[in-house]
PDB file of N, CA and C in Angstrom:
ATOM      1  N   MET A   1       0.843  -1.182   0.000  1.00  0.00           N
ATOM      2  CA  MET A   1       0.000   0.000   0.000  1.00  0.00           C
ATOM      3  C   MET A   1       0.889   1.246   0.000  1.00  0.00           C
ATOM      4  N   PRO A   2       0.504   2.263  -0.754  1.00  0.00           N
ATOM      5  CA  PRO A   2       1.293   3.495  -0.775  1.00  0.00           C
ATOM      6  C   PRO A   2       1.342   4.149   0.605  1.00  0.00           C
ATOM      7  N   ASP A   3       2.358   4.949   0.803  1.00  0.00           N
ATOM      8  CA  ASP A   3       2.540   5.678   2.050  1.00  0.00           C
ATOM      9  C   ASP A   3       1.326   6.589   2.286  1.00  0.00           C
ATOM     10  N   PRO A   4       0.670   6.482   3.440  1.00  0.00           N
ATOM     11  CA  PRO A   4      -0.517   7.307   3.688  1.00  0.00           C
ATOM     12  C   PRO A   4      -0.222   8.807   3.689  1.00  0.00           C
ATOM     13  N   LEU A   5       0.985   9.190   4.080  1.00  0.00           N
ATOM     14  CA  LEU A   5       1.340  10.611   4.037  1.00  0.00           C
ATOM     15  C   LEU A   5       1.400  11.104   2.595  1.00  0.00           C
ATOM     16  N   VAL A   6       1.870  10.258   1.686  1.00  0.00           N
ATOM     17  CA  VAL A   6       1.917  10.603   0.263  1.00  0.00           C
ATOM     18  C   VAL A   6       0.498  10.739  -0.283  1.00  0.00           C
ATOM     19  N   ILE A   7      -0.383   9.853   0.145  1.00  0.00           N
ATOM     20  CA  ILE A   7      -1.780   9.918  -0.297  1.00  0.00           C
ATOM     21  C   ILE A   7      -2.420  11.225   0.165  1.00  0.00           C
ATOM     22  N   ILE A   8      -2.230  11.576   1.423  1.00  0.00           N
ATOM     23  CA  ILE A   8      -2.813  12.808   1.959  1.00  0.00           C
ATOM     24  C   ILE A   8      -2.256  14.021   1.229  1.00  0.00           C
ATOM     25  N   ARG A   9      -0.968  14.062   1.050  1.00  0.00           N
ATOM     26  CA  ARG A   9      -0.363  15.205   0.345  1.00  0.00           C
ATOM     27  C   ARG A   9      -0.830  15.256  -1.111  1.00  0.00           C
ATOM     28  N   GLY A  10      -0.992  14.080  -1.723  1.00  0.00           N
ATOM     29  CA  GLY A  10      -1.452  14.015  -3.102  1.00  0.00           C
ATOM     30  C   GLY A  10      -2.849  14.572  -3.287  1.00  0.00           C
ATOM     31  N   ALA A  11      -3.687  14.407  -2.286  1.00  0.00           N
ATOM     32  CA  ALA A  11      -5.054  14.924  -2.364  1.00  0.00           C
ATOM     33  C   ALA A  11      -5.083  16.448  -2.374  1.00  0.00           C
ATOM     34  N   MET A  12      -3.990  17.068  -1.939  1.00  0.00           N
ATOM     35  CA  MET A  12      -3.927  18.528  -1.895  1.00  0.00           C
ATOM     36  C   MET A  12      -3.220  19.117  -3.106  1.00  0.00           C
ATOM     37  N   THR A  13      -2.954  18.302  -4.118  1.00  0.00           N
ATOM     38  CA  THR A  13      -2.321  18.786  -5.343  1.00  0.00           C
ATOM     39  C   THR A  13      -3.202  18.450  -6.537  1.00  0.00           C
ATOM     40  N   ALA A  14      -2.969  19.133  -7.607  1.00  0.00           N
ATOM     41  CA  ALA A  14      -3.716  18.845  -8.839  1.00  0.00           C
ATOM     42  C   ALA A  14      -2.991  17.798  -9.678  1.00  0.00           C
ATOM     43  N   GLU A  15      -1.852  17.333  -9.218  1.00  0.00           N
ATOM     44  CA  GLU A  15      -1.026  16.411 -10.002  1.00  0.00           C
ATOM     45  C   GLU A  15      -1.552  14.986 -10.023  1.00  0.00           C
ATOM     46  N   THR A  16      -2.346  14.626  -9.038  1.00  0.00           N
ATOM     47  CA  THR A  16      -2.832  13.256  -8.943  1.00  0.00           C
ATOM     48  C   THR A  16      -4.248  13.250  -8.380  1.00  0.00           C
ATOM     49  N   SER A  17      -5.004  12.243  -8.704  1.00  0.00           N
ATOM     50  CA  SER A  17      -6.344  12.092  -8.141  1.00  0.00           C
ATOM     51  C   SER A  17      -6.343  10.916  -7.180  1.00  0.00           C
ATOM     52  N   ILE A  18      -6.889  11.131  -6.018  1.00  0.00           N
ATOM     53  CA  ILE A  18      -6.920  10.131  -4.958  1.00  0.00           C
ATOM     54  C   ILE A  18      -8.360   9.642  -4.798  1.00  0.00           C
ATOM     55  N   SER A  19      -8.537   8.352  -4.617  1.00  0.00           N
ATOM     56  CA  SER A  19      -9.886   7.844  -4.389  1.00  0.00           C
ATOM     57  C   SER A  19     -10.362   8.265  -2.999  1.00  0.00           C
ATOM     58  N   TRP A  20     -11.676   8.414  -2.876  1.00  0.00           N
ATOM     59  CA  TRP A  20     -12.272   8.782  -1.588  1.00  0.00           C
ATOM     60  C   TRP A  20     -11.874   7.781  -0.511  1.00  0.00           C
ATOM     61  N   SER A  21     -12.050   6.502  -0.803  1.00  0.00           N
ATOM     62  CA  SER A  21     -11.738   5.476   0.203  1.00  0.00           C
ATOM     63  C   SER A  21     -10.250   5.454   0.521  1.00  0.00           C
ATOM     64  N   GLY A  22      -9.412   5.732  -0.478  1.00  0.00           N
ATOM     65  CA  GLY A  22      -7.969   5.783  -0.238  1.00  0.00           C
ATOM     66  C   GLY A  22      -7.585   6.905   0.699  1.00  0.00           C
ATOM     67  N   LEU A  23      -8.220   8.059   0.527  1.00  0.00           N
ATOM     68  CA  LEU A  23      -7.924   9.203   1.388  1.00  0.00           C
ATOM     69  C   LEU A  23      -8.426   8.966   2.812  1.00  0.00           C
ATOM     70  N   VAL A  24      -9.628   8.455   2.947  1.00  0.00           N
ATOM     71  CA  VAL A  24     -10.170   8.174   4.280  1.00  0.00           C
ATOM     72  C   VAL A  24      -9.313   7.117   4.983  1.00  0.00           C
ATOM     73  N   GLY A  25      -8.894   6.100   4.244  1.00  0.00           N
ATOM     74  CA  GLY A  25      -8.017   5.073   4.811  1.00  0.00           C
ATOM     75  C   GLY A  25      -6.675   5.630   5.235  1.00  0.00           C
ATOM     76  N   ALA A  26      -6.133   6.555   4.434  1.00  0.00           N
ATOM     77  CA  ALA A  26      -4.847   7.168   4.775  1.00  0.00           C
ATOM     78  C   ALA A  26      -4.956   8.000   6.049  1.00  0.00           C
ATOM     79  N   ILE A  27      -6.071   8.702   6.214  1.00  0.00           N
ATOM     80  CA  ILE A  27      -6.270   9.483   7.443  1.00  0.00           C
ATOM     81  C   ILE A  27      -6.302   8.557   8.656  1.00  0.00           C
ATOM     82  N   ALA A  28      -7.014   7.466   8.554  1.00  0.00           N
ATOM     83  CA  ALA A  28      -7.078   6.509   9.667  1.00  0.00           C
ATOM     84  C   ALA A  28      -5.705   5.920   9.955  1.00  0.00           C
ATOM     85  N   GLU A  29      -4.962   5.635   8.900  1.00  0.00           N
ATOM     86  CA  GLU A  29      -3.639   5.037   9.086  1.00  0.00           C
ATOM     87  C   GLU A  29      -2.667   6.009   9.747  1.00  0.00           C
ATOM     88  N   VAL A  30      -2.656   7.277   9.318  1.00  0.00           N
ATOM     89  CA  VAL A  30      -1.730   8.223   9.949  1.00  0.00           C
ATOM     90  C   VAL A  30      -2.161   8.538  11.372  1.00  0.00           C
ATOM     91  N   ALA A  31      -3.449   8.510  11.638  1.00  0.00           N
ATOM     92  CA  ALA A  31      -3.911   8.747  13.010  1.00  0.00           C
ATOM     93  C   ALA A  31      -3.392   7.668  13.948  1.00  0.00           C
ATOM     94  N   ALA A  32      -3.267   6.451  13.441  1.00  0.00           N
ATOM     95  CA  ALA A  32      -2.773   5.348  14.261  1.00  0.00           C
ATOM     96  C   ALA A  32      -1.268   5.444  14.519  1.00  0.00           C
ATOM     97  N   THR A  33      -0.541   6.182  13.688  1.00  0.00           N
ATOM     98  CA  THR A  33       0.918   6.269  13.866  1.00  0.00           C
ATOM     99  C   THR A  33       1.319   7.228  14.974  1.00  0.00           C
ATOM    100  N   ARG A  34       0.496   8.252  15.195  1.00  0.00           N
ATOM    101  CA  ARG A  34       0.762   9.231  16.250  1.00  0.00           C
ATOM    102  C   ARG A  34       2.160   9.840  16.172  1.00  0.00           C
ATOM    103  N   SER A  35       2.584  10.181  14.972  1.00  0.00           N
ATOM    104  CA  SER A  35       3.903  10.789  14.790  1.00  0.00           C
ATOM    105  C   SER A  35       3.747  12.286  14.489  1.00  0.00           C
ATOM    106  N   PRO A  36       4.815  13.057  14.708  1.00  0.00           N
ATOM    107  CA  PRO A  36       4.757  14.481  14.357  1.00  0.00           C
ATOM    108  C   PRO A  36       4.446  14.705  12.875  1.00  0.00           C
ATOM    109  N   ALA A  37       4.991  13.869  12.002  1.00  0.00           N
ATOM    110  CA  ALA A  37       4.718  14.012  10.568  1.00  0.00           C
ATOM    111  C   ALA A  37       3.247  13.743  10.264  1.00  0.00           C
ATOM    112  N   ALA A  38       2.668  12.780  10.956  1.00  0.00           N
ATOM    113  CA  ALA A  38       1.249  12.474  10.765  1.00  0.00           C
ATOM    114  C   ALA A  38       0.385  13.638  11.252  1.00  0.00           C
ATOM    115  N   GLU A  39       0.717  14.177  12.410  1.00  0.00           N
ATOM    116  CA  GLU A  39      -0.025  15.323  12.931  1.00  0.00           C
ATOM    117  C   GLU A  39       0.037  16.488  11.956  1.00  0.00           C
ATOM    118  N   GLN A  40       1.226  16.764  11.428  1.00  0.00           N
ATOM    119  CA  GLN A  40       1.379  17.892  10.506  1.00  0.00           C
ATOM    120  C   GLN A  40       0.592  17.670   9.222  1.00  0.00           C
ATOM    121  N   ALA A  41       0.591  16.450   8.718  1.00  0.00           N
ATOM    122  CA  ALA A  41      -0.180  16.149   7.503  1.00  0.00           C
ATOM    123  C   ALA A  41      -1.667  16.388   7.737  1.00  0.00           C
ATOM    124  N   LEU A  42      -2.164  16.019   8.902  1.00  0.00           N
ATOM    125  CA  LEU A  42      -3.576  16.237   9.223  1.00  0.00           C
ATOM    126  C   LEU A  42      -3.889  17.719   9.393  1.00  0.00           C
ATOM    127  N   VAL A  43      -2.991  18.464  10.022  1.00  0.00           N
ATOM    128  CA  VAL A  43      -3.180  19.910  10.152  1.00  0.00           C
ATOM    129  C   VAL A  43      -3.190  20.549   8.764  1.00  0.00           C
ATOM    130  N   ASP A  44      -2.264  20.133   7.906  1.00  0.00           N
ATOM    131  CA  ASP A  44      -2.216  20.674   6.545  1.00  0.00           C
ATOM    132  C   ASP A  44      -3.505  20.367   5.792  1.00  0.00           C
ATOM    133  N   LEU A  45      -3.995  19.156   5.935  1.00  0.00           N
ATOM    134  CA  LEU A  45      -5.237  18.759   5.273  1.00  0.00           C
ATOM    135  C   LEU A  45      -6.421  19.544   5.827  1.00  0.00           C
ATOM    136  N   LEU A  46      -6.452  19.705   7.119  1.00  0.00           N
ATOM    137  CA  LEU A  46      -7.545  20.428   7.768  1.00  0.00           C
ATOM    138  C   LEU A  46      -7.590  21.882   7.337  1.00  0.00           C
ATOM    139  N   THR A  47      -6.452  22.493   7.168  1.00  0.00           N
ATOM    140  CA  THR A  47      -6.388  23.918   6.843  1.00  0.00           C
ATOM    141  C   THR A  47      -6.249  24.186   5.347  1.00  0.00           C
ATOM    142  N   PHE A  48      -6.240  23.135   4.539  1.00  0.00           N
ATOM    143  CA  PHE A  48      -6.097  23.281   3.088  1.00  0.00           C
ATOM    144  C   PHE A  48      -7.254  24.093   2.520  1.00  0.00           C
ATOM    145  N   GLN A  49      -6.936  25.097   1.756  1.00  0.00           N
ATOM    146  CA  GLN A  49      -7.940  25.952   1.116  1.00  0.00           C
ATOM    147  C   GLN A  49      -8.000  25.592  -0.357  1.00  0.00           C
ATOM    148  N   GLY A  50      -9.028  24.931  -0.750  1.00  0.00           N
ATOM    149  CA  GLY A  50      -9.177  24.572  -2.154  1.00  0.00           C
ATOM    150  C   GLY A  50      -9.822  23.217  -2.282  1.00  0.00           C
ATOM    151  N   PRO A  51     -10.164  22.871  -3.501  1.00  0.00           N
ATOM    152  CA  PRO A  51     -10.779  21.558  -3.696  1.00  0.00           C
ATOM    153  C   PRO A  51      -9.743  20.448  -3.597  1.00  0.00           C
ATOM    154  N   LEU A  52     -10.132  19.350  -3.017  1.00  0.00           N
ATOM    155  CA  LEU A  52      -9.258  18.190  -2.956  1.00  0.00           C
ATOM    156  C   LEU A  52      -9.240  17.518  -4.321  1.00  0.00           C
ATOM    157  N   SER A  53      -8.138  16.885  -4.637  1.00  0.00           N
ATOM    158  CA  SER A  53      -8.003  16.190  -5.912  1.00  0.00           C
ATOM    159  C   SER A  53      -8.483  14.757  -5.729  1.00  0.00           C
ATOM    160  N   LEU A  54      -9.790  14.575  -5.868  1.00  0.00           N
ATOM    161  CA  LEU A  54     -10.390  13.263  -5.648  1.00  0.00           C
ATOM    162  C   LEU A  54     -10.815  12.652  -6.976  1.00  0.00           C
ATOM    163  N   ALA A  55     -10.555  11.362  -7.120  1.00  0.00           N
ATOM    164  CA  ALA A  55     -10.958  10.625  -8.319  1.00  0.00           C
ATOM    165  C   ALA A  55     -12.464  10.401  -8.277  1.00  0.00           C
ATOM    166  N   GLY A  56     -13.029  10.073  -9.422  1.00  0.00           N
ATOM    167  CA  GLY A  56     -14.458   9.767  -9.486  1.00  0.00           C
ATOM    168  C   GLY A  56     -14.784   8.536  -8.670  1.00  0.00           C
ATOM    169  N   GLY A  57     -16.013   8.162  -8.687  1.00  0.00           N
ATOM    170  CA  GLY A  57     -16.461   7.019  -7.899  1.00  0.00           C
ATOM    171  C   GLY A  57     -17.273   7.487  -6.720  1.00  0.00           C
ATOM    172  N   TYR A  58     -17.314   6.679  -5.684  1.00  0.00           N
ATOM    173  CA  TYR A  58     -18.130   7.006  -4.516  1.00  0.00           C
ATOM    174  C   TYR A  58     -17.664   8.314  -3.878  1.00  0.00           C
ATOM    175  N   MET A  59     -18.603   9.163  -3.593  1.00  0.00           N
ATOM    176  CA  MET A  59     -18.360  10.398  -2.854  1.00  0.00           C
ATOM    177  C   MET A  59     -19.499  10.555  -1.856  1.00  0.00           C
ATOM    178  N   PRO A  60     -19.209  11.122  -0.705  1.00  0.00           N
ATOM    179  CA  PRO A  60     -20.281  11.346   0.264  1.00  0.00           C
ATOM    180  C   PRO A  60     -21.264  12.369  -0.294  1.00  0.00           C
ATOM    181  N   HIS A  61     -22.485  12.302   0.152  1.00  0.00           N
ATOM    182  CA  HIS A  61     -23.463  13.242  -0.362  1.00  0.00           C
ATOM    183  C   HIS A  61     -24.205  14.005   0.733  1.00  0.00           C
ATOM    184  N   SER A  62     -23.882  13.738   1.985  1.00  0.00           N
ATOM    185  CA  SER A  62     -24.533  14.475   3.055  1.00  0.00           C
ATOM    186  C   SER A  62     -23.863  15.829   3.284  1.00  0.00           C
ATOM    187  N   GLN A  63     -22.644  15.968   2.825  1.00  0.00           N
ATOM    188  CA  GLN A  63     -21.901  17.223   2.889  1.00  0.00           C
ATOM    189  C   GLN A  63     -20.794  17.157   1.846  1.00  0.00           C
ATOM    190  N   SER A  64     -20.073  18.243   1.661  1.00  0.00           N
ATOM    191  CA  SER A  64     -19.025  18.250   0.639  1.00  0.00           C
ATOM    192  C   SER A  64     -17.892  17.301   1.035  1.00  0.00           C
ATOM    193  N   PRO A  65     -17.167  16.782   0.054  1.00  0.00           N
ATOM    194  CA  PRO A  65     -16.018  15.916   0.382  1.00  0.00           C
ATOM    195  C   PRO A  65     -15.007  16.629   1.279  1.00  0.00           C
ATOM    196  N   GLU A  66     -14.787  17.915   1.022  1.00  0.00           N
ATOM    197  CA  GLU A  66     -13.829  18.665   1.845  1.00  0.00           C
ATOM    198  C   GLU A  66     -14.280  18.731   3.301  1.00  0.00           C
ATOM    199  N   ASP A  67     -15.579  18.934   3.516  1.00  0.00           N
ATOM    200  CA  ASP A  67     -16.077  18.990   4.897  1.00  0.00           C
ATOM    201  C   ASP A  67     -16.032  17.620   5.568  1.00  0.00           C
ATOM    202  N   MET A  68     -16.293  16.565   4.813  1.00  0.00           N
ATOM    203  CA  MET A  68     -16.170  15.204   5.370  1.00  0.00           C
ATOM    204  C   MET A  68     -14.730  14.933   5.788  1.00  0.00           C
ATOM    205  N   ILE A  69     -13.788  15.359   4.960  1.00  0.00           N
ATOM    206  CA  ILE A  69     -12.371  15.161   5.278  1.00  0.00           C
ATOM    207  C   ILE A  69     -11.974  16.024   6.466  1.00  0.00           C
ATOM    208  N   ARG A  70     -12.503  17.233   6.532  1.00  0.00           N
ATOM    209  CA  ARG A  70     -12.218  18.084   7.701  1.00  0.00           C
ATOM    210  C   ARG A  70     -12.697  17.419   8.989  1.00  0.00           C
ATOM    211  N   THR A  71     -13.881  16.844   8.978  1.00  0.00           N
ATOM    212  CA  THR A  71     -14.374  16.195  10.200  1.00  0.00           C
ATOM    213  C   THR A  71     -13.506  14.990  10.550  1.00  0.00           C
ATOM    214  N   ALA A  72     -13.053  14.245   9.545  1.00  0.00           N
ATOM    215  CA  ALA A  72     -12.165  13.100   9.810  1.00  0.00           C
ATOM    216  C   ALA A  72     -10.830  13.580  10.370  1.00  0.00           C
ATOM    217  N   ALA A  73     -10.308  14.677   9.841  1.00  0.00           N
ATOM    218  CA  ALA A  73      -9.032  15.213  10.334  1.00  0.00           C
ATOM    219  C   ALA A  73      -9.170  15.736  11.757  1.00  0.00           C
ATOM    220  N   VAL A  74     -10.278  16.400  12.061  1.00  0.00           N
ATOM    221  CA  VAL A  74     -10.521  16.884  13.430  1.00  0.00           C
ATOM    222  C   VAL A  74     -10.564  15.703  14.398  1.00  0.00           C
ATOM    223  N   ASP A  75     -11.318  14.678  14.056  1.00  0.00           N
ATOM    224  CA  ASP A  75     -11.393  13.494  14.913  1.00  0.00           C
ATOM    225  C   ASP A  75     -10.025  12.850  15.107  1.00  0.00           C
ATOM    226  N   ALA A  76      -9.281  12.712  14.019  1.00  0.00           N
ATOM    227  CA  ALA A  76      -7.959  12.075  14.114  1.00  0.00           C
ATOM    228  C   ALA A  76      -7.016  12.894  14.985  1.00  0.00           C
ATOM    229  N   LEU A  77      -6.995  14.212  14.796  1.00  0.00           N
ATOM    230  CA  LEU A  77      -6.122  15.053  15.623  1.00  0.00           C
ATOM    231  C   LEU A  77      -6.518  14.985  17.087  1.00  0.00           C
ATOM    232  N   TRP A  78      -7.802  14.984  17.358  1.00  0.00           N
ATOM    233  CA  TRP A  78      -8.275  14.897  18.737  1.00  0.00           C
ATOM    234  C   TRP A  78      -7.847  13.572  19.372  1.00  0.00           C
ATOM    235  N   GLN A  79      -7.985  12.473  18.624  1.00  0.00           N
ATOM    236  CA  GLN A  79      -7.586  11.165  19.139  1.00  0.00           C
ATOM    237  C   GLN A  79      -6.081  11.085  19.357  1.00  0.00           C
ATOM    238  N   MET A  80      -5.318  11.715  18.466  1.00  0.00           N
ATOM    239  CA  MET A  80      -3.860  11.643  18.542  1.00  0.00           C
ATOM    240  C   MET A  80      -3.282  12.512  19.642  1.00  0.00           C
ATOM    241  N   SER A  81      -3.823  13.713  19.804  1.00  0.00           N
ATOM    242  CA  SER A  81      -3.109  14.677  20.638  1.00  0.00           C
ATOM    243  C   SER A  81      -3.995  15.511  21.556  1.00  0.00           C
ATOM    244  N   GLY A  82      -5.223  15.096  21.735  1.00  0.00           N
ATOM    245  CA  GLY A  82      -6.080  15.824  22.671  1.00  0.00           C
ATOM    246  C   GLY A  82      -6.268  17.272  22.292  1.00  0.00           C
ATOM    247  N   GLU A  83      -6.020  18.158  23.211  1.00  0.00           N
ATOM    248  CA  GLU A  83      -6.267  19.598  23.038  1.00  0.00           C
ATOM    249  C   GLU A  83      -5.187  20.332  22.253  1.00  0.00           C
ATOM    250  N   LYS A  84      -4.125  19.679  21.882  1.00  0.00           N
ATOM    251  CA  LYS A  84      -2.982  20.345  21.242  1.00  0.00           C
ATOM    252  C   LYS A  84      -3.385  21.201  20.042  1.00  0.00           C
ATOM    253  N   TYR A  85      -4.323  20.737  19.236  1.00  0.00           N
ATOM    254  CA  TYR A  85      -4.716  21.451  18.019  1.00  0.00           C
ATOM    255  C   TYR A  85      -6.099  22.090  18.137  1.00  0.00           C
ATOM    256  N   ALA A  86      -6.520  22.350  19.352  1.00  0.00           N
ATOM    257  CA  ALA A  86      -7.848  22.939  19.573  1.00  0.00           C
ATOM    258  C   ALA A  86      -7.988  24.278  18.859  1.00  0.00           C
ATOM    259  N   THR A  87      -6.991  25.136  18.935  1.00  0.00           N
ATOM    260  CA  THR A  87      -7.076  26.451  18.303  1.00  0.00           C
ATOM    261  C   THR A  87      -7.183  26.326  16.791  1.00  0.00           C
ATOM    262  N   VAL A  88      -6.383  25.466  16.202  1.00  0.00           N
ATOM    263  CA  VAL A  88      -6.442  25.248  14.755  1.00  0.00           C
ATOM    264  C   VAL A  88      -7.833  24.761  14.358  1.00  0.00           C
ATOM    265  N   CYS A  89      -8.340  23.796  15.082  1.00  0.00           N
ATOM    266  CA  CYS A  89      -9.653  23.232  14.767  1.00  0.00           C
ATOM    267  C   CYS A  89     -10.760  24.265  14.948  1.00  0.00           C
ATOM    268  N   ARG A  90     -10.681  25.055  16.001  1.00  0.00           N
ATOM    269  CA  ARG A  90     -11.691  26.100  16.212  1.00  0.00           C
ATOM    270  C   ARG A  90     -11.640  27.153  15.110  1.00  0.00           C
ATOM    271  N   ASN A  91     -10.434  27.491  14.658  1.00  0.00           N
ATOM    272  CA  ASN A  91     -10.307  28.456  13.564  1.00  0.00           C
ATOM    273  C   ASN A  91     -10.927  27.920  12.279  1.00  0.00           C
ATOM    274  N   VAL A  92     -10.720  26.646  12.006  1.00  0.00           N
ATOM    275  CA  VAL A  92     -11.330  26.032  10.823  1.00  0.00           C
ATOM    276  C   VAL A  92     -12.849  26.050  10.957  1.00  0.00           C
ATOM    277  N   ALA A  93     -13.357  25.717  12.133  1.00  0.00           N
ATOM    278  CA  ALA A  93     -14.809  25.715  12.352  1.00  0.00           C
ATOM    279  C   ALA A  93     -15.396  27.112  12.173  1.00  0.00           C
ATOM    280  N   ALA A  94     -14.673  28.118  12.638  1.00  0.00           N
ATOM    281  CA  ALA A  94     -15.166  29.493  12.514  1.00  0.00           C
ATOM    282  C   ALA A  94     -15.205  29.946  11.055  1.00  0.00           C
ATOM    283  N   ALA A  95     -14.344  29.388  10.234  1.00  0.00           N
ATOM    284  CA  ALA A  95     -14.245  29.824   8.836  1.00  0.00           C
ATOM    285  C   ALA A  95     -15.122  29.036   7.872  1.00  0.00           C
ATOM    286  N   THR A  96     -15.711  27.948   8.334  1.00  0.00           N
ATOM    287  CA  THR A  96     -16.511  27.120   7.429  1.00  0.00           C
ATOM    288  C   THR A  96     -18.003  27.364   7.639  1.00  0.00           C
ATOM    289  N   PRO A  97     -18.774  27.282   6.567  1.00  0.00           N
ATOM    290  CA  PRO A  97     -20.219  27.375   6.744  1.00  0.00           C
ATOM    291  C   PRO A  97     -20.854  26.038   7.161  1.00  0.00           C
ATOM    292  N   SER A  98     -20.064  24.976   7.200  1.00  0.00           N
ATOM    293  CA  SER A  98     -20.593  23.635   7.484  1.00  0.00           C
ATOM    294  C   SER A  98     -21.015  23.476   8.943  1.00  0.00           C
ATOM    295  N   PRO A  99     -22.298  23.231   9.181  1.00  0.00           N
ATOM    296  CA  PRO A  99     -22.737  23.007  10.563  1.00  0.00           C
ATOM    297  C   PRO A  99     -22.179  21.701  11.135  1.00  0.00           C
ATOM    298  N   ILE A 100     -21.893  20.740  10.287  1.00  0.00           N
ATOM    299  CA  ILE A 100     -21.353  19.468  10.767  1.00  0.00           C
ATOM    300  C   ILE A 100     -19.928  19.648  11.283  1.00  0.00           C
ATOM    301  N   VAL A 101     -19.102  20.362  10.532  1.00  0.00           N
ATOM    302  CA  VAL A 101     -17.733  20.631  10.997  1.00  0.00           C
ATOM    303  C   VAL A 101     -17.788  21.409  12.303  1.00  0.00           C
ATOM    304  N   LYS A 102     -18.642  22.421  12.368  1.00  0.00           N
ATOM    305  CA  LYS A 102     -18.771  23.222  13.598  1.00  0.00           C
ATOM    306  C   LYS A 102     -19.171  22.349  14.791  1.00  0.00           C
ATOM    307  N   ARG A 103     -20.121  21.436  14.577  1.00  0.00           N
ATOM    308  CA  ARG A 103     -20.593  20.552  15.650  1.00  0.00           C
ATOM    309  C   ARG A 103     -19.500  19.603  16.122  1.00  0.00           C
ATOM    310  N   ILE A 104     -18.745  19.019  15.184  1.00  0.00           N
ATOM    311  CA  ILE A 104     -17.669  18.088  15.551  1.00  0.00           C
ATOM    312  C   ILE A 104     -16.583  18.820  16.338  1.00  0.00           C
ATOM    313  N   VAL A 105     -16.205  20.001  15.887  1.00  0.00           N
ATOM    314  CA  VAL A 105     -15.177  20.772  16.602  1.00  0.00           C
ATOM    315  C   VAL A 105     -15.678  21.138  17.996  1.00  0.00           C
ATOM    316  N   ALA A 106     -16.913  21.588  18.106  1.00  0.00           N
ATOM    317  CA  ALA A 106     -17.449  21.949  19.416  1.00  0.00           C
ATOM    318  C   ALA A 106     -17.516  20.750  20.360  1.00  0.00           C
ATOM    319  N   ALA A 107     -17.812  19.575  19.812  1.00  0.00           N
ATOM    320  CA  ALA A 107     -17.882  18.381  20.641  1.00  0.00           C
ATOM    321  C   ALA A 107     -16.498  17.926  21.098  1.00  0.00           C
ATOM    322  N   ARG A 108     -15.530  18.025  20.214  1.00  0.00           N
ATOM    323  CA  ARG A 108     -14.182  17.554  20.541  1.00  0.00           C
ATOM    324  C   ARG A 108     -13.394  18.569  21.374  1.00  0.00           C
ATOM    325  N   PHE A 109     -13.627  19.845  21.095  1.00  0.00           N
ATOM    326  CA  PHE A 109     -12.862  20.911  21.752  1.00  0.00           C
ATOM    327  C   PHE A 109     -13.810  21.930  22.359  1.00  0.00           C
ATOM    328  N   PRO A 110     -14.554  21.543  23.405  1.00  0.00           N
ATOM    329  CA  PRO A 110     -15.490  22.491  24.009  1.00  0.00           C
ATOM    330  C   PRO A 110     -14.750  23.640  24.696  1.00  0.00           C
ATOM    331  N   GLY A 111     -15.428  24.727  24.805  1.00  0.00           N
ATOM    332  CA  GLY A 111     -14.837  25.836  25.526  1.00  0.00           C
ATOM    333  C   GLY A 111     -14.567  26.950  24.647  1.00  0.00           C
TER     334      GLY A 111
END
């Protein structure tokens, strides 16, 4: 399997298209590693401004793919490092119109 950090970084470029399931799997895999590089990749993904480079096929339809990925990144960062990225996550929640992202951030980082 390709390096999950490469998959995450690839989703933030126009050079390659990443499958939805591949990106979600990569987020879960880096969350399990609990390394500084994994944390940084998730922060970069969470704060990425622009459309993700996702291949066709299955896509979520309850919210945008970017918002689904943001909620996955928030959950992963919370599981990995607790309150360490609370400010970053709150800033993302404040900047998004997504009520789901706002709810997940408020649940994970109350206060």
